[in-house]
Amino acid sequence: MVTPAGGRSFPESETGGTAVEYSLLVAFIATVIISAVQVLGDQLILGFQAVIDLL
């Protein structure tokens, strides 16, 4: 533990905090992707179908 002038103790490693931050970021990105697919789902299906029809 490192004790700064204020007297509080802080852990030397922030590995756990970093893991939490990355998992929150991944959850946010997944939420954005899922929301976009739900909103644009029908348009995506029509677009893919148009490409399939051209093949």
PDB file of N, CA and C in Angstrom:
ATOM      1  N   MET A   1       0.830  -1.180   0.000  1.00  0.00           N
ATOM      2  CA  MET A   1       0.000   0.000   0.000  1.00  0.00           C
ATOM      3  C   MET A   1       0.881   1.254   0.000  1.00  0.00           C
ATOM      4  N   VAL A   2       0.437   2.244  -0.714  1.00  0.00           N
ATOM      5  CA  VAL A   2       1.138   3.526  -0.776  1.00  0.00           C
ATOM      6  C   VAL A   2       0.320   4.525   0.026  1.00  0.00           C
ATOM      7  N   THR A   3       0.959   5.240   0.922  1.00  0.00           N
ATOM      8  CA  THR A   3       0.260   6.233   1.731  1.00  0.00           C
ATOM      9  C   THR A   3       0.744   7.624   1.350  1.00  0.00           C
ATOM     10  N   PRO A   4      -0.114   8.415   0.656  1.00  0.00           N
ATOM     11  CA  PRO A   4       0.274   9.776   0.301  1.00  0.00           C
ATOM     12  C   PRO A   4       0.210  10.692   1.516  1.00  0.00           C
ATOM     13  N   ALA A   5       0.533  11.947   1.314  1.00  0.00           N
ATOM     14  CA  ALA A   5       0.580  12.913   2.409  1.00  0.00           C
ATOM     15  C   ALA A   5      -0.759  13.044   3.132  1.00  0.00           C
ATOM     16  N   GLY A   6      -1.875  12.785   2.444  1.00  0.00           N
ATOM     17  CA  GLY A   6      -3.194  12.906   3.046  1.00  0.00           C
ATOM     18  C   GLY A   6      -3.500  11.810   4.054  1.00  0.00           C
ATOM     19  N   GLY A   7      -2.716  10.735   4.073  1.00  0.00           N
ATOM     20  CA  GLY A   7      -2.903   9.693   5.053  1.00  0.00           C
ATOM     21  C   GLY A   7      -3.759   8.523   4.585  1.00  0.00           C
ATOM     22  N   ARG A   8      -4.425   8.646   3.445  1.00  0.00           N
ATOM     23  CA  ARG A   8      -5.233   7.532   2.931  1.00  0.00           C
ATOM     24  C   ARG A   8      -4.339   6.503   2.274  1.00  0.00           C
ATOM     25  N   SER A   9      -4.775   5.273   2.285  1.00  0.00           N
ATOM     26  CA  SER A   9      -4.021   4.198   1.647  1.00  0.00           C
ATOM     27  C   SER A   9      -4.630   3.879   0.297  1.00  0.00           C
ATOM     28  N   PHE A  10      -3.784   3.690  -0.697  1.00  0.00           N
ATOM     29  CA  PHE A  10      -4.221   3.329  -2.031  1.00  0.00           C
ATOM     30  C   PHE A  10      -3.477   2.074  -2.449  1.00  0.00           C
ATOM     31  N   PRO A  11      -4.155   1.164  -3.121  1.00  0.00           N
ATOM     32  CA  PRO A  11      -3.447  -0.029  -3.591  1.00  0.00           C
ATOM     33  C   PRO A  11      -2.451   0.327  -4.683  1.00  0.00           C
ATOM     34  N   GLU A  12      -1.352  -0.408  -4.731  1.00  0.00           N
ATOM     35  CA  GLU A  12      -0.332  -0.140  -5.742  1.00  0.00           C
ATOM     36  C   GLU A  12      -0.787  -0.597  -7.121  1.00  0.00           C
ATOM     37  N   SER A  13      -1.603  -1.626  -7.184  1.00  0.00           N
ATOM     38  CA  SER A  13      -2.062  -2.162  -8.460  1.00  0.00           C
ATOM     39  C   SER A  13      -3.491  -1.719  -8.722  1.00  0.00           C
ATOM     40  N   GLU A  14      -3.752  -1.326  -9.969  1.00  0.00           N
ATOM     41  CA  GLU A  14      -5.103  -0.927 -10.353  1.00  0.00           C
ATOM     42  C   GLU A  14      -5.684  -1.926 -11.348  1.00  0.00           C
ATOM     43  N   THR A  15      -5.205  -3.148 -11.321  1.00  0.00           N
ATOM     44  CA  THR A  15      -5.643  -4.157 -12.272  1.00  0.00           C
ATOM     45  C   THR A  15      -7.139  -4.403 -12.174  1.00  0.00           C
ATOM     46  N   GLY A  16      -7.671  -4.535 -10.980  1.00  0.00           N
ATOM     47  CA  GLY A  16      -9.102  -4.771 -10.803  1.00  0.00           C
ATOM     48  C   GLY A  16      -9.930  -3.616 -11.330  1.00  0.00           C
ATOM     49  N   GLY A  17      -9.492  -2.396 -11.072  1.00  0.00           N
ATOM     50  CA  GLY A  17     -10.202  -1.217 -11.564  1.00  0.00           C
ATOM     51  C   GLY A  17     -10.184  -1.145 -13.074  1.00  0.00           C
ATOM     52  N   THR A  18      -9.071  -1.497 -13.667  1.00  0.00           N
ATOM     53  CA  THR A  18      -8.963  -1.479 -15.123  1.00  0.00           C
ATOM     54  C   THR A  18      -9.884  -2.528 -15.735  1.00  0.00           C
ATOM     55  N   ALA A  19      -9.960  -3.701 -15.127  1.00  0.00           N
ATOM     56  CA  ALA A  19     -10.837  -4.757 -15.638  1.00  0.00           C
ATOM     57  C   ALA A  19     -12.291  -4.314 -15.590  1.00  0.00           C
ATOM     58  N   VAL A  20     -12.670  -3.630 -14.528  1.00  0.00           N
ATOM     59  CA  VAL A  20     -14.044  -3.139 -14.408  1.00  0.00           C
ATOM     60  C   VAL A  20     -14.321  -2.097 -15.484  1.00  0.00           C
ATOM     61  N   GLU A  21     -13.381  -1.206 -15.716  1.00  0.00           N
ATOM     62  CA  GLU A  21     -13.562  -0.177 -16.737  1.00  0.00           C
ATOM     63  C   GLU A  21     -13.715  -0.803 -18.123  1.00  0.00           C
ATOM     64  N   TYR A  22     -12.884  -1.795 -18.436  1.00  0.00           N
ATOM     65  CA  TYR A  22     -12.979  -2.450 -19.737  1.00  0.00           C
ATOM     66  C   TYR A  22     -14.291  -3.210 -19.878  1.00  0.00           C
ATOM     67  N   SER A  23     -14.742  -3.861 -18.823  1.00  0.00           N
ATOM     68  CA  SER A  23     -16.001  -4.598 -18.919  1.00  0.00           C
ATOM     69  C   SER A  23     -17.184  -3.646 -19.083  1.00  0.00           C
ATOM     70  N   LEU A  24     -17.144  -2.482 -18.446  1.00  0.00           N
ATOM     71  CA  LEU A  24     -18.199  -1.490 -18.655  1.00  0.00           C
ATOM     72  C   LEU A  24     -18.174  -0.969 -20.088  1.00  0.00           C
ATOM     73  N   LEU A  25     -16.998  -0.761 -20.636  1.00  0.00           N
ATOM     74  CA  LEU A  25     -16.872  -0.301 -22.020  1.00  0.00           C
ATOM     75  C   LEU A  25     -17.416  -1.347 -22.987  1.00  0.00           C
ATOM     76  N   VAL A  26     -17.093  -2.609 -22.756  1.00  0.00           N
ATOM     77  CA  VAL A  26     -17.590  -3.692 -23.612  1.00  0.00           C
ATOM     78  C   VAL A  26     -19.106  -3.785 -23.522  1.00  0.00           C
ATOM     79  N   ALA A  27     -19.656  -3.647 -22.311  1.00  0.00           N
ATOM     80  CA  ALA A  27     -21.109  -3.697 -22.147  1.00  0.00           C
ATOM     81  C   ALA A  27     -21.783  -2.540 -22.883  1.00  0.00           C
ATOM     82  N   PHE A  28     -21.188  -1.358 -22.830  1.00  0.00           N
ATOM     83  CA  PHE A  28     -21.745  -0.194 -23.528  1.00  0.00           C
ATOM     84  C   PHE A  28     -21.726  -0.406 -25.039  1.00  0.00           C
ATOM     85  N   ILE A  29     -20.611  -0.882 -25.562  1.00  0.00           N
ATOM     86  CA  ILE A  29     -20.500  -1.118 -26.997  1.00  0.00           C
ATOM     87  C   ILE A  29     -21.495  -2.189 -27.443  1.00  0.00           C
ATOM     88  N   ALA A  30     -21.643  -3.254 -26.656  1.00  0.00           N
ATOM     89  CA  ALA A  30     -22.603  -4.304 -27.000  1.00  0.00           C
ATOM     90  C   ALA A  30     -24.022  -3.754 -27.012  1.00  0.00           C
ATOM     91  N   THR A  31     -24.348  -2.890 -26.051  1.00  0.00           N
ATOM     92  CA  THR A  31     -25.680  -2.291 -26.001  1.00  0.00           C
ATOM     93  C   THR A  31     -25.940  -1.436 -27.236  1.00  0.00           C
ATOM     94  N   VAL A  32     -24.947  -0.673 -27.654  1.00  0.00           N
ATOM     95  CA  VAL A  32     -25.093   0.169 -28.847  1.00  0.00           C
ATOM     96  C   VAL A  32     -25.292  -0.699 -30.086  1.00  0.00           C
ATOM     97  N   ILE A  33     -24.525  -1.767 -30.215  1.00  0.00           N
ATOM     98  CA  ILE A  33     -24.647  -2.644 -31.382  1.00  0.00           C
ATOM     99  C   ILE A  33     -26.011  -3.322 -31.415  1.00  0.00           C
ATOM    100  N   ILE A  34     -26.460  -3.837 -30.267  1.00  0.00           N
ATOM    101  CA  ILE A  34     -27.759  -4.507 -30.202  1.00  0.00           C
ATOM    102  C   ILE A  34     -28.877  -3.529 -30.525  1.00  0.00           C
ATOM    103  N   SER A  35     -28.799  -2.324 -29.998  1.00  0.00           N
ATOM    104  CA  SER A  35     -29.822  -1.316 -30.279  1.00  0.00           C
ATOM    105  C   SER A  35     -29.853  -0.957 -31.760  1.00  0.00           C
ATOM    106  N   ALA A  36     -28.693  -0.794 -32.367  1.00  0.00           N
ATOM    107  CA  ALA A  36     -28.622  -0.444 -33.786  1.00  0.00           C
ATOM    108  C   ALA A  36     -29.201  -1.555 -34.648  1.00  0.00           C
ATOM    109  N   VAL A  37     -28.915  -2.799 -34.307  1.00  0.00           N
ATOM    110  CA  VAL A  37     -29.440  -3.922 -35.087  1.00  0.00           C
ATOM    111  C   VAL A  37     -30.957  -4.001 -34.935  1.00  0.00           C
ATOM    112  N   GLN A  38     -31.471  -3.739 -33.738  1.00  0.00           N
ATOM    113  CA  GLN A  38     -32.920  -3.771 -33.543  1.00  0.00           C
ATOM    114  C   GLN A  38     -33.604  -2.661 -34.337  1.00  0.00           C
ATOM    115  N   VAL A  39     -33.024  -1.478 -34.339  1.00  0.00           N
ATOM    116  CA  VAL A  39     -33.631  -0.347 -35.043  1.00  0.00           C
ATOM    117  C   VAL A  39     -33.522  -0.524 -36.554  1.00  0.00           C
ATOM    118  N   LEU A  40     -32.379  -0.988 -37.017  1.00  0.00           N
ATOM    119  CA  LEU A  40     -32.134  -1.091 -38.454  1.00  0.00           C
ATOM    120  C   LEU A  40     -32.327  -2.504 -38.990  1.00  0.00           C
ATOM    121  N   GLY A  41     -32.860  -3.394 -38.190  1.00  0.00           N
ATOM    122  CA  GLY A  41     -32.952  -4.806 -38.557  1.00  0.00           C
ATOM    123  C   GLY A  41     -33.637  -5.058 -39.879  1.00  0.00           C
ATOM    124  N   ASP A  42     -34.816  -4.495 -40.087  1.00  0.00           N
ATOM    125  CA  ASP A  42     -35.552  -4.728 -41.325  1.00  0.00           C
ATOM    126  C   ASP A  42     -34.789  -4.187 -42.531  1.00  0.00           C
ATOM    127  N   GLN A  43     -34.185  -3.035 -42.380  1.00  0.00           N
ATOM    128  CA  GLN A  43     -33.418  -2.459 -43.482  1.00  0.00           C
ATOM    129  C   GLN A  43     -32.201  -3.325 -43.803  1.00  0.00           C
ATOM    130  N   LEU A  44     -31.571  -3.888 -42.769  1.00  0.00           N
ATOM    131  CA  LEU A  44     -30.430  -4.760 -42.995  1.00  0.00           C
ATOM    132  C   LEU A  44     -30.847  -6.014 -43.747  1.00  0.00           C
ATOM    133  N   ILE A  45     -31.985  -6.577 -43.366  1.00  0.00           N
ATOM    134  CA  ILE A  45     -32.473  -7.785 -44.039  1.00  0.00           C
ATOM    135  C   ILE A  45     -32.745  -7.488 -45.512  1.00  0.00           C
ATOM    136  N   LEU A  46     -33.392  -6.363 -45.799  1.00  0.00           N
ATOM    137  CA  LEU A  46     -33.665  -6.003 -47.184  1.00  0.00           C
ATOM    138  C   LEU A  46     -32.373  -5.770 -47.971  1.00  0.00           C
ATOM    139  N   GLY A  47     -31.403  -5.149 -47.348  1.00  0.00           N
ATOM    140  CA  GLY A  47     -30.116  -4.912 -48.006  1.00  0.00           C
ATOM    141  C   GLY A  47     -29.393  -6.200 -48.317  1.00  0.00           C
ATOM    142  N   PHE A  48     -29.344  -7.130 -47.349  1.00  0.00           N
ATOM    143  CA  PHE A  48     -28.707  -8.407 -47.590  1.00  0.00           C
ATOM    144  C   PHE A  48     -29.456  -9.204 -48.649  1.00  0.00           C
ATOM    145  N   GLN A  49     -30.791  -9.127 -48.631  1.00  0.00           N
ATOM    146  CA  GLN A  49     -31.578  -9.838 -49.628  1.00  0.00           C
ATOM    147  C   GLN A  49     -31.303  -9.293 -51.036  1.00  0.00           C
ATOM    148  N   ALA A  50     -31.131  -7.981 -51.162  1.00  0.00           N
ATOM    149  CA  ALA A  50     -30.812  -7.380 -52.457  1.00  0.00           C
ATOM    150  C   ALA A  50     -29.461  -7.888 -52.971  1.00  0.00           C
ATOM    151  N   VAL A  51     -28.496  -8.011 -52.080  1.00  0.00           N
ATOM    152  CA  VAL A  51     -27.178  -8.527 -52.479  1.00  0.00           C
ATOM    153  C   VAL A  51     -27.296  -9.990 -52.902  1.00  0.00           C
ATOM    154  N   ILE A  52     -28.062 -10.772 -52.140  1.00  0.00           N
ATOM    155  CA  ILE A  52     -28.239 -12.189 -52.484  1.00  0.00           C
ATOM    156  C   ILE A  52     -28.909 -12.331 -53.844  1.00  0.00           C
ATOM    157  N   ASP A  53     -29.900 -11.482 -54.087  1.00  0.00           N
ATOM    158  CA  ASP A  53     -30.599 -11.556 -55.370  1.00  0.00           C
ATOM    159  C   ASP A  53     -29.675 -11.228 -56.543  1.00  0.00           C
ATOM    160  N   LEU A  54     -28.713 -10.350 -56.325  1.00  0.00           N
ATOM    161  CA  LEU A  54     -27.769 -10.006 -57.380  1.00  0.00           C
ATOM    162  C   LEU A  54     -26.781 -11.127 -57.663  1.00  0.00           C
ATOM    163  N   LEU A  55     -26.568 -11.996 -56.692  1.00  0.00           N
ATOM    164  CA  LEU A  55     -25.632 -13.103 -56.900  1.00  0.00           C
ATOM    165  C   LEU A  55     -26.342 -14.172 -57.668  1.00  0.00           C
TER     166      LEU A  55
END
